[in-house]
Protein backbone atom coordinates (compact mmCIF):
# COMPACT_ATOMS: atom_id res chain seq x y z
CA MET A 1 30.83 -7.80 12.09
CA LEU A 2 29.56 -3.93 11.39
CA SER A 3 27.54 -5.28 8.21
CA ILE A 4 26.25 -7.93 10.04
CA PHE A 5 24.68 -5.51 13.21
CA ARG A 6 23.46 -3.29 10.34
CA LEU A 7 21.48 -6.28 8.70
CA LEU A 8 20.46 -7.00 12.11
CA THR A 9 19.49 -3.51 13.01
CA SER A 10 17.45 -2.67 9.15
CA LEU A 11 13.33 -3.18 9.57
CA PRO A 12 12.84 -5.80 7.24
CA ALA A 13 15.27 -7.93 9.20
CA GLN A 14 13.62 -6.86 12.75
CA LEU A 15 10.21 -7.56 11.14
CA ILE A 16 11.45 -11.11 10.34
CA LEU A 17 12.89 -11.63 13.82
CA CYS A 18 9.39 -10.14 15.21
CA LEU A 19 7.67 -13.33 13.29
CA LEU A 20 9.95 -15.63 14.28
CA PHE A 21 9.92 -15.01 17.81
CA GLY A 22 5.96 -14.86 17.90
CA ILE A 23 5.77 -18.31 16.08
CA ALA A 24 8.82 -19.79 18.82
CA PHE A 25 8.16 -18.10 21.79
CA GLY A 26 4.35 -16.50 21.58
CA ALA A 27 2.73 -19.21 23.46
CA HIS A 28 5.27 -19.31 26.52
CA ILE A 29 4.97 -15.56 27.05
CA SER A 30 2.55 -14.87 30.66
CA PHE A 31 -0.61 -13.25 30.05
CA ASP A 32 -0.01 -10.64 31.43
CA ILE A 33 3.24 -9.68 29.74
CA ALA A 34 1.36 -10.42 26.42
CA SER A 35 -1.76 -8.17 27.68
CA ILE A 36 0.74 -5.26 28.07
CA LEU A 37 2.44 -6.04 24.63
CA TYR A 38 -0.83 -5.92 22.87
CA THR A 39 -2.25 -2.60 24.67
CA THR A 40 1.25 -1.24 23.56
CA SER A 41 0.42 -2.51 20.05
CA CYS A 42 -3.33 -1.05 20.05
CA PHE A 43 -1.74 1.71 21.54
CA ILE A 44 0.27 3.01 18.24
CA LYS A 45 -2.61 1.66 16.03
CA ASP A 46 -5.17 4.18 17.77
CA ILE A 47 -2.74 7.03 17.62
CA LEU A 48 -2.27 6.53 14.26
CA MET A 49 -6.13 6.39 13.54
CA TYR A 50 -6.28 9.62 15.30
CA LEU A 51 -4.02 11.38 12.80
CA LEU A 52 -5.05 9.40 9.45
CA PRO A 53 -7.57 12.09 8.35
CA PHE A 54 -4.46 14.83 8.77
CA VAL A 55 -2.02 11.88 6.75
CA ILE A 56 -4.58 11.88 4.42
CA PHE A 57 -5.93 14.82 4.17
CA THR A 58 -1.74 16.34 3.36
CA TYR A 59 -1.19 13.66 0.72
CA LEU A 60 -4.15 14.30 -1.12
CA TRP A 61 -3.53 18.16 -1.26
CA ALA A 62 0.21 17.84 -2.17
CA ALA A 63 -0.20 14.93 -4.74
CA LEU A 64 -2.87 17.28 -6.60
CA ALA A 65 -1.24 20.32 -6.22
CA ALA A 66 2.21 18.94 -7.72
CA PHE A 67 0.27 18.85 -10.74
CA GLY A 68 -0.06 22.64 -11.40
CA ASN A 69 2.54 23.27 -13.99
CA ARG A 70 1.72 20.38 -16.05
CA GLY A 71 -1.42 21.32 -17.77
CA PHE A 72 -5.02 20.85 -17.01
CA ILE A 73 -6.04 18.29 -19.57
CA LEU A 74 -2.42 16.38 -18.81
CA ILE A 75 -3.71 16.44 -14.79
CA ILE A 76 -7.04 15.12 -15.78
CA ILE A 77 -5.84 12.43 -18.24
CA THR A 78 -2.81 11.06 -15.62
CA PHE A 79 -4.92 11.14 -12.62
CA CYS A 80 -7.61 8.86 -14.63
CA LEU A 81 -5.13 6.95 -15.77
CA ILE A 82 -3.75 5.98 -12.37
CA VAL A 83 -7.27 5.55 -10.83
CA VAL A 84 -8.01 2.95 -13.78
CA ALA A 85 -4.64 0.96 -13.51
CA ASN A 86 -5.50 0.69 -9.90
CA ALA A 87 -9.06 -0.60 -10.19
CA CYS A 88 -7.39 -3.04 -12.71
CA SER A 89 -5.39 -4.44 -9.99
CA LEU A 90 -8.11 -4.96 -7.26
CA LEU A 91 -10.83 -6.22 -9.90
CA ALA A 92 -7.93 -8.47 -11.32
CA ALA A 93 -7.87 -9.75 -7.87
CA TYR A 94 -11.58 -9.88 -7.13
CA GLY A 95 -12.67 -11.68 -10.10
CA ILE A 96 -9.75 -14.79 -10.05
CA GLY A 97 -9.75 -14.91 -6.54
CA SER A 98 -13.27 -15.37 -6.53
CA PHE A 99 -12.81 -18.63 -7.93
CA ILE A 100 -10.12 -19.63 -6.43
CA LEU A 101 -9.57 -18.68 -2.64
CA PRO A 102 -12.78 -20.59 -1.78
CA SER A 103 -11.43 -23.48 -2.10
CA ILE A 104 -7.61 -22.49 -0.58
CA VAL A 105 -9.04 -20.91 2.46
CA ASP A 106 -12.03 -23.63 3.23
CA GLY A 107 -11.88 -25.23 6.82
CA ALA A 108 -9.79 -21.99 8.22
CA ILE A 109 -12.44 -20.94 10.46
CA THR A 110 -12.57 -23.81 12.59
CA ARG A 111 -8.52 -23.66 13.29
CA LEU A 112 -8.60 -19.91 14.31
CA ALA A 113 -11.79 -20.86 16.83
CA VAL A 114 -10.45 -19.80 20.24
CA ASP A 115 -12.14 -19.33 23.78
CA GLU A 116 -12.94 -15.64 23.84
CA SER A 117 -12.61 -16.15 28.13
CA LEU A 118 -8.47 -17.05 27.71
CA SER A 119 -8.28 -14.24 24.47
CA VAL A 120 -5.32 -11.67 25.37
CA ARG A 121 -7.18 -8.53 25.20
CA CYS A 122 -7.17 -4.74 25.14
CA LEU A 123 -6.06 -3.43 28.97
CA TRP A 124 -6.84 0.14 28.09
CA ALA A 125 -7.78 1.92 24.83
CA LEU A 126 -7.90 5.74 23.74
CA PRO A 127 -11.67 6.58 23.03
CA GLU A 128 -12.66 6.42 19.21
CA TRP A 129 -12.36 9.40 17.36
CA ASN A 130 -15.93 10.49 15.64
CA ILE A 131 -15.63 14.38 14.94
CA ILE A 132 -13.44 14.22 11.89
CA LYS A 133 -13.12 10.40 10.01
CA PRO A 134 -10.76 9.49 6.99
CA VAL A 135 -13.13 10.05 4.67
CA HIS A 136 -13.19 14.03 5.98
CA GLY A 137 -9.35 13.79 4.80
CA MET A 138 -9.92 12.39 1.47
CA LEU A 139 -12.47 15.01 0.80
CA GLY A 140 -10.79 18.31 1.98
CA GLY A 141 -7.59 16.97 0.28
CA ILE A 142 -9.11 16.35 -3.39
CA ALA A 143 -11.08 19.71 -2.74
CA LEU A 144 -8.33 21.42 -2.00
CA GLY A 145 -5.92 19.90 -4.17
CA PHE A 146 -7.69 20.92 -7.14
CA TYR A 147 -7.79 24.47 -6.44
CA THR A 148 -4.31 24.94 -5.60
CA MET A 149 -4.05 23.35 -8.94
CA LEU A 150 -6.58 25.31 -11.03
CA LEU A 151 -5.24 28.96 -9.52
CA LYS A 152 -1.58 27.18 -9.85
CA SER A 153 -0.40 29.36 -6.49
CA SER A 154 3.31 28.47 -6.28
CA ALA A 155 2.46 29.55 -2.35
CA LEU A 156 -0.42 26.86 -1.52
CA ASN A 157 1.78 24.21 -3.22
CA ILE A 158 4.58 25.17 -0.67
CA LYS A 159 1.99 25.08 1.58
CA SER A 160 1.22 21.51 0.72
CA ILE A 161 4.81 20.21 0.58
CA LYS A 162 5.64 21.46 3.78
CA MET A 163 2.43 19.93 5.36
CA ARG A 164 3.36 16.60 3.56
CA ASP A 165 6.65 16.61 4.55
CA LEU A 166 5.59 16.94 8.35
CA ALA A 167 3.37 14.13 8.28
CA THR A 168 6.03 12.12 6.82
CA LYS A 169 8.13 13.20 9.49
CA PHE A 170 5.34 12.23 11.96
CA LEU A 171 5.23 8.38 9.87
CA LYS A 172 9.19 7.90 9.88
CA ARG A 173 9.65 8.89 13.48
CA GLY A 174 6.50 8.21 15.38
CA PHE A 175 5.62 5.32 14.00
CA ILE A 176 7.63 3.35 11.42
CA PRO A 177 10.53 2.94 14.51
CA PHE A 178 8.12 1.48 16.64
CA LEU A 179 6.58 -1.23 13.53
CA PRO A 180 8.09 -3.89 14.90
CA LEU A 181 6.69 -3.56 18.08
CA TYR A 182 3.28 -2.93 16.55
CA VAL A 183 3.71 -5.83 14.96
CA LEU A 184 4.96 -7.95 17.84
CA GLY A 185 2.32 -7.78 19.99
CA PHE A 186 -0.28 -8.57 17.57
CA LEU A 187 1.60 -11.64 16.72
CA ILE A 188 2.02 -12.29 20.68
CA LYS A 189 -1.79 -12.33 21.19
CA LEU A 190 -2.46 -14.30 17.65
CA SER A 191 0.52 -17.06 19.17
CA ARG A 192 -0.80 -16.92 22.86
CA ASP A 193 -4.71 -17.08 21.61
CA GLY A 194 -3.92 -19.99 19.56
CA HIS A 195 -4.75 -18.29 16.05
CA LEU A 196 -1.05 -18.09 14.45
CA SER A 197 -0.75 -21.28 13.72
CA GLY A 198 -4.41 -21.69 12.30
CA LEU A 199 -3.43 -18.30 10.24
CA MET A 200 -0.10 -19.13 8.52
CA HIS A 201 -1.90 -22.45 7.94
CA GLY A 202 -4.98 -20.87 6.21
CA TYR A 203 -2.93 -17.85 4.69
CA ALA A 204 -0.21 -19.59 3.33
CA HIS A 205 -2.15 -20.91 0.38
CA THR A 206 -3.36 -17.19 0.09
CA PHE A 207 -0.16 -15.79 0.21
CA LEU A 208 1.55 -18.10 -2.58
CA PHE A 209 -1.50 -17.30 -4.77
CA SER A 210 -1.18 -13.81 -3.99
CA CYS A 211 2.13 -13.79 -5.22
CA VAL A 212 1.80 -15.51 -8.54
CA LEU A 213 -1.53 -13.47 -9.58
CA ILE A 214 1.00 -10.38 -8.75
CA VAL A 215 3.81 -11.44 -11.13
CA ILE A 216 1.47 -13.14 -13.95
CA TYR A 217 -0.68 -9.32 -13.70
CA LEU A 218 3.19 -7.49 -14.07
CA VAL A 219 4.10 -9.65 -16.75
CA PHE A 220 1.31 -8.92 -18.64
CA TRP A 221 1.31 -5.18 -18.32
CA TYR A 222 5.28 -5.38 -19.46
CA TYR A 223 4.18 -7.27 -22.55
CA VAL A 224 1.70 -4.59 -23.52
CA GLY A 225 3.82 -1.85 -22.64
CA SER A 226 6.40 -3.74 -24.86
CA TYR A 227 3.89 -3.96 -28.12
CA PHE A 228 4.01 -7.30 -27.30
CA ASN A 229 7.10 -7.85 -28.01
CA THR A 230 8.93 -10.72 -26.34
CA ALA A 231 12.08 -9.81 -26.85
CA LYS A 232 11.59 -6.22 -25.55
CA LEU A 233 9.66 -7.91 -22.59
CA ILE A 234 12.28 -10.03 -21.20
CA SER A 235 15.04 -6.61 -22.22
CA SER A 236 12.24 -4.16 -19.82
CA ILE A 237 12.12 -6.53 -17.14
CA ARG A 238 15.49 -7.02 -16.53
CA GLU A 239 16.21 -3.23 -16.79
CA MET A 240 13.65 -2.74 -14.16
CA PHE A 241 15.16 -5.88 -11.90
CA PRO A 242 17.82 -3.97 -10.19
CA ALA A 243 15.08 -1.29 -8.94
CA GLY A 244 12.47 -3.91 -7.66
CA ILE A 245 15.31 -5.56 -5.88
CA THR A 246 16.27 -1.84 -4.55
CA GLY A 247 12.35 -1.31 -3.37
CA LEU A 248 12.25 -4.84 -1.87
CA THR A 249 15.52 -3.42 0.61
CA THR A 250 14.44 -0.26 1.24
CA MET A 251 10.63 -0.98 1.25
CA SER A 252 9.71 2.43 0.26
CA SER A 253 9.00 3.26 -3.76
CA SER A 254 10.03 7.17 -2.64
CA ALA A 255 13.59 6.23 -1.84
CA THR A 256 13.90 3.82 -4.85
CA MET A 257 12.60 6.17 -7.27
CA PRO A 258 16.02 7.71 -8.35
CA VAL A 259 16.44 3.82 -9.51
CA THR A 260 12.93 4.06 -11.15
CA LEU A 261 13.76 7.00 -12.95
CA ASP A 262 17.11 5.26 -14.39
CA ALA A 263 15.48 1.98 -15.39
CA THR A 264 12.74 3.47 -16.88
CA GLU A 265 14.71 6.39 -19.12
CA ARG A 266 16.34 3.52 -19.91
CA ASN A 267 12.98 1.45 -21.12
CA ILE A 268 11.12 4.17 -23.00
CA LYS A 269 14.12 6.30 -24.04
CA ASP A 270 12.90 9.37 -23.13
CA ARG A 271 14.03 10.67 -19.89
CA GLU A 272 11.61 13.74 -19.95
CA PHE A 273 8.35 11.81 -20.12
CA ALA A 274 10.27 9.83 -16.95
CA ASP A 275 10.81 12.13 -14.95
CA PHE A 276 6.88 13.04 -15.08
CA ILE A 277 5.38 10.09 -14.61
CA ILE A 278 7.20 8.25 -12.41
CA PRO A 279 7.38 11.21 -9.90
CA THR A 280 3.60 11.77 -10.20
CA SER A 281 2.82 7.40 -10.32
CA VAL A 282 5.95 6.63 -7.72
CA ASN A 283 3.18 6.55 -4.23
CA SER A 284 -0.37 6.52 -6.22
CA HIS A 285 -0.17 3.06 -8.27
CA LEU A 286 0.31 0.55 -6.12
CA PRO A 287 -0.51 -2.88 -7.89
CA GLY A 288 1.14 -4.83 -5.72
CA ASP A 289 -0.92 -3.52 -2.83
CA GLY A 290 -4.18 -3.61 -4.69
CA ILE A 291 -3.77 -7.22 -5.33
CA SER A 292 -2.33 -8.15 -1.78
CA ILE A 293 -4.61 -6.27 0.30
CA THR A 294 -8.01 -7.28 -2.09
CA LEU A 295 -7.36 -11.11 -1.78
CA THR A 296 -6.11 -10.73 2.20
CA ALA A 297 -9.16 -8.84 2.95
CA MET A 298 -11.35 -11.74 0.84
CA ALA A 299 -9.51 -14.42 2.59
CA LEU A 300 -9.67 -13.00 6.13
CA LEU A 301 -13.72 -12.77 5.28
CA LEU A 302 -13.70 -16.22 4.53
CA MET A 303 -11.99 -16.98 7.15
CA SER A 304 -14.46 -15.52 9.55
CA GLY A 305 -17.28 -17.30 8.30
CA GLN A 306 -18.62 -14.02 5.95
CA GLY A 307 -19.17 -14.47 2.34
CA LEU A 308 -17.52 -13.06 -0.32
CA PRO A 309 -18.36 -9.16 -1.13
CA THR A 310 -20.71 -8.68 -4.30
CA TRP A 311 -19.98 -6.77 -7.43
CA PRO A 312 -21.70 -3.59 -6.58
CA VAL A 313 -20.09 -3.61 -2.96
CA PHE A 314 -17.06 -4.53 -4.55
CA LEU A 315 -17.45 -1.74 -6.85
CA LEU A 316 -18.21 0.96 -3.76
CA TYR A 317 -15.21 -0.19 -2.36
CA THR A 318 -12.95 0.27 -5.35
CA MET A 319 -13.60 3.84 -6.01
CA HIS A 320 -13.07 4.32 -2.22
CA TYR A 321 -9.57 2.73 -2.72
CA CYS A 322 -8.54 4.27 -5.72
CA LEU A 323 -9.05 7.82 -4.18
CA VAL A 324 -7.37 7.31 -1.25
CA LYS A 325 -4.50 5.41 -2.50
CA PHE A 326 -3.25 9.26 -3.92
CA SER A 327 -2.91 9.67 0.21
CA ALA A 328 -0.45 6.83 0.38
CA ALA A 329 2.80 7.50 2.35
CA GLY A 330 5.88 6.23 0.92
CA VAL A 331 7.46 4.92 3.62
CA PRO A 332 6.85 1.72 5.10
CA GLY A 333 3.46 0.20 5.82
CA GLY A 334 2.40 3.05 4.64
CA GLY A 335 0.37 1.65 1.46
CA VAL A 336 -1.99 -0.07 4.35
CA ILE A 337 -2.45 2.61 6.57
CA VAL A 338 -4.85 4.66 4.04
CA ILE A 339 -7.08 1.85 3.76
CA LEU A 340 -7.97 0.18 6.90
CA PRO A 341 -11.23 2.58 7.30
CA VAL A 342 -11.99 1.40 3.57
CA VAL A 343 -11.65 -2.40 3.99
CA ARG A 344 -13.36 -1.47 7.24
CA ASP A 345 -16.38 0.27 6.38
CA TYR A 346 -16.68 -0.76 2.60
CA LEU A 347 -15.73 -4.72 2.82
CA GLY A 348 -17.49 -5.16 6.48
CA LEU A 349 -14.09 -6.39 8.35
CA ASP A 350 -14.41 -6.01 11.98
CA GLU A 351 -11.91 -4.82 14.34
CA THR A 352 -10.03 -8.23 14.56
CA ALA A 353 -9.28 -9.06 11.14
CA THR A 354 -8.46 -5.50 9.74
CA THR A 355 -5.94 -5.94 12.72
CA LEU A 356 -4.99 -9.03 10.98
CA LEU A 357 -4.56 -7.58 7.50
CA ALA A 358 -1.96 -4.60 8.42
CA THR A 359 -0.27 -7.53 10.35
CA ILE A 360 -0.04 -9.22 7.70
CA TYR A 361 0.69 -6.44 5.17
CA VAL A 362 3.44 -4.84 7.32
CA LEU A 363 5.12 -8.40 7.09
CA GLN A 364 4.77 -8.98 3.44
CA ASP A 365 5.70 -5.42 2.85
CA PRO A 366 9.31 -5.50 1.81
CA ILE A 367 7.39 -7.88 -1.11
CA LEU A 368 4.49 -5.66 -1.83
CA THR A 369 7.14 -2.88 -2.58
CA SER A 370 9.36 -4.59 -5.16
CA ALA A 371 6.02 -5.41 -7.27
CA ASN A 372 5.08 -1.59 -6.88
CA VAL A 373 8.05 -0.63 -8.29
CA MET A 374 8.31 -2.81 -11.08
CA GLY A 375 4.67 -1.83 -11.71
CA ASN A 376 5.65 1.75 -11.67
CA GLY A 377 7.79 0.85 -14.42
CA ALA A 378 5.36 -1.06 -16.70
CA PHE A 379 2.82 1.91 -16.24
CA ALA A 380 5.20 4.10 -17.36
CA MET A 381 5.72 1.91 -20.45
CA VAL A 382 1.76 2.08 -21.31
CA THR A 383 1.53 5.53 -20.75
CA HIS A 384 4.65 6.69 -23.10
CA ARG A 385 2.79 6.60 -25.94
CA LEU A 386 -0.69 8.30 -24.75
CA LEU A 387 1.10 10.79 -22.35
CA LYS A 388 4.24 12.15 -24.30
CA PRO A 389 2.36 14.36 -27.09
CA LEU A 390 0.49 16.14 -24.38
CA LEU A 391 3.39 16.46 -22.61
CA LYS A 392 5.43 17.95 -25.80
CA LYS A 393 2.22 20.30 -26.36
CA GLU A 394 2.52 21.74 -22.58
CA LYS A 395 6.21 22.24 -22.92
CA ASP A 396 5.56 23.95 -26.31
CA PHE A 397 3.20 26.24 -24.68
CA ILE A 398 4.75 27.38 -22.14
CA SER A 399 7.96 28.01 -24.34
CA ALA A 400 5.86 29.90 -26.12
CA SER A 401 4.53 31.95 -23.72
CA GLU A 402 7.93 32.66 -22.31
């Protein structure tokens, strides 16, 4: 009985229950109650948007400052490899999605049409915050992070960790507990407006396509990390699989890190390198997020009657995405929080589409976290041979200095 209670009170179960409730009863809820629930969801989102620049700033600062004792060359190479790896996932999603998505979401726009006069609307909203924007937090975090890294200041490093922990505490106590309510309000609006059934029908194929592409993408990089040895490929995935299952249930790459570290050590047979690369990439190298968020954004653009972004526009989006991803928090929903302004500003998603993107992401967050954890294992294998000599040289240099 106690185990059933724990299961029902877990975040994944609550999100699934919210989805089922929205599908079954959303259309039958009164307009006034639906408006109150939707207003509550909007209020939670507005608070999050107010504090988002601070979250981005602190996580970027702490992420870069943490490199301080590893050697500047090693830092730059690792940073660039993570950026390139994230860019690869986005470009793979865009390149393949451009051919597949137009055929599987075609006609979805007609199913999403609704009489706006009958649409559930937010009763009131907080004024828009225009003074400090997420991009300011990003630039400030990068600047202060590199400054701390160059100075090798332990005092600044400690301050960055404290600020990051403060931001994490806000997310864990001020956002995550309300995540089911946040999702429920938007689901009720979608159901009440008649969008939910159309969205599920139009997005179902995109979801399946996204899952298949993620699996193919991860297997490819495990194959590369296994030096194209099929037996090693199967063995490596089998070793990492428990970490993937843990990520599925915890919805947090950070919480899964001990399992990821253990599996990575067995795959690469180098505990020192695993201890370096996994904590470095755990919240910044997120291939599942890159593929899913990109495909979802592209599908929503097609559903709303807009065309797919051009290559120059998408490359600009990719650049900002890869930088902002260093500020992603390893908590449920953290992967999409910092990306919302990027998809809005550089892909042209409107407020409704951005909200849909966040809701869709949160509902499939367990799957994406599992994919991210598995991706971190592949990333460690691929980068092991390149970075291990640099890490050894840095260690020898520190030992000689002492």
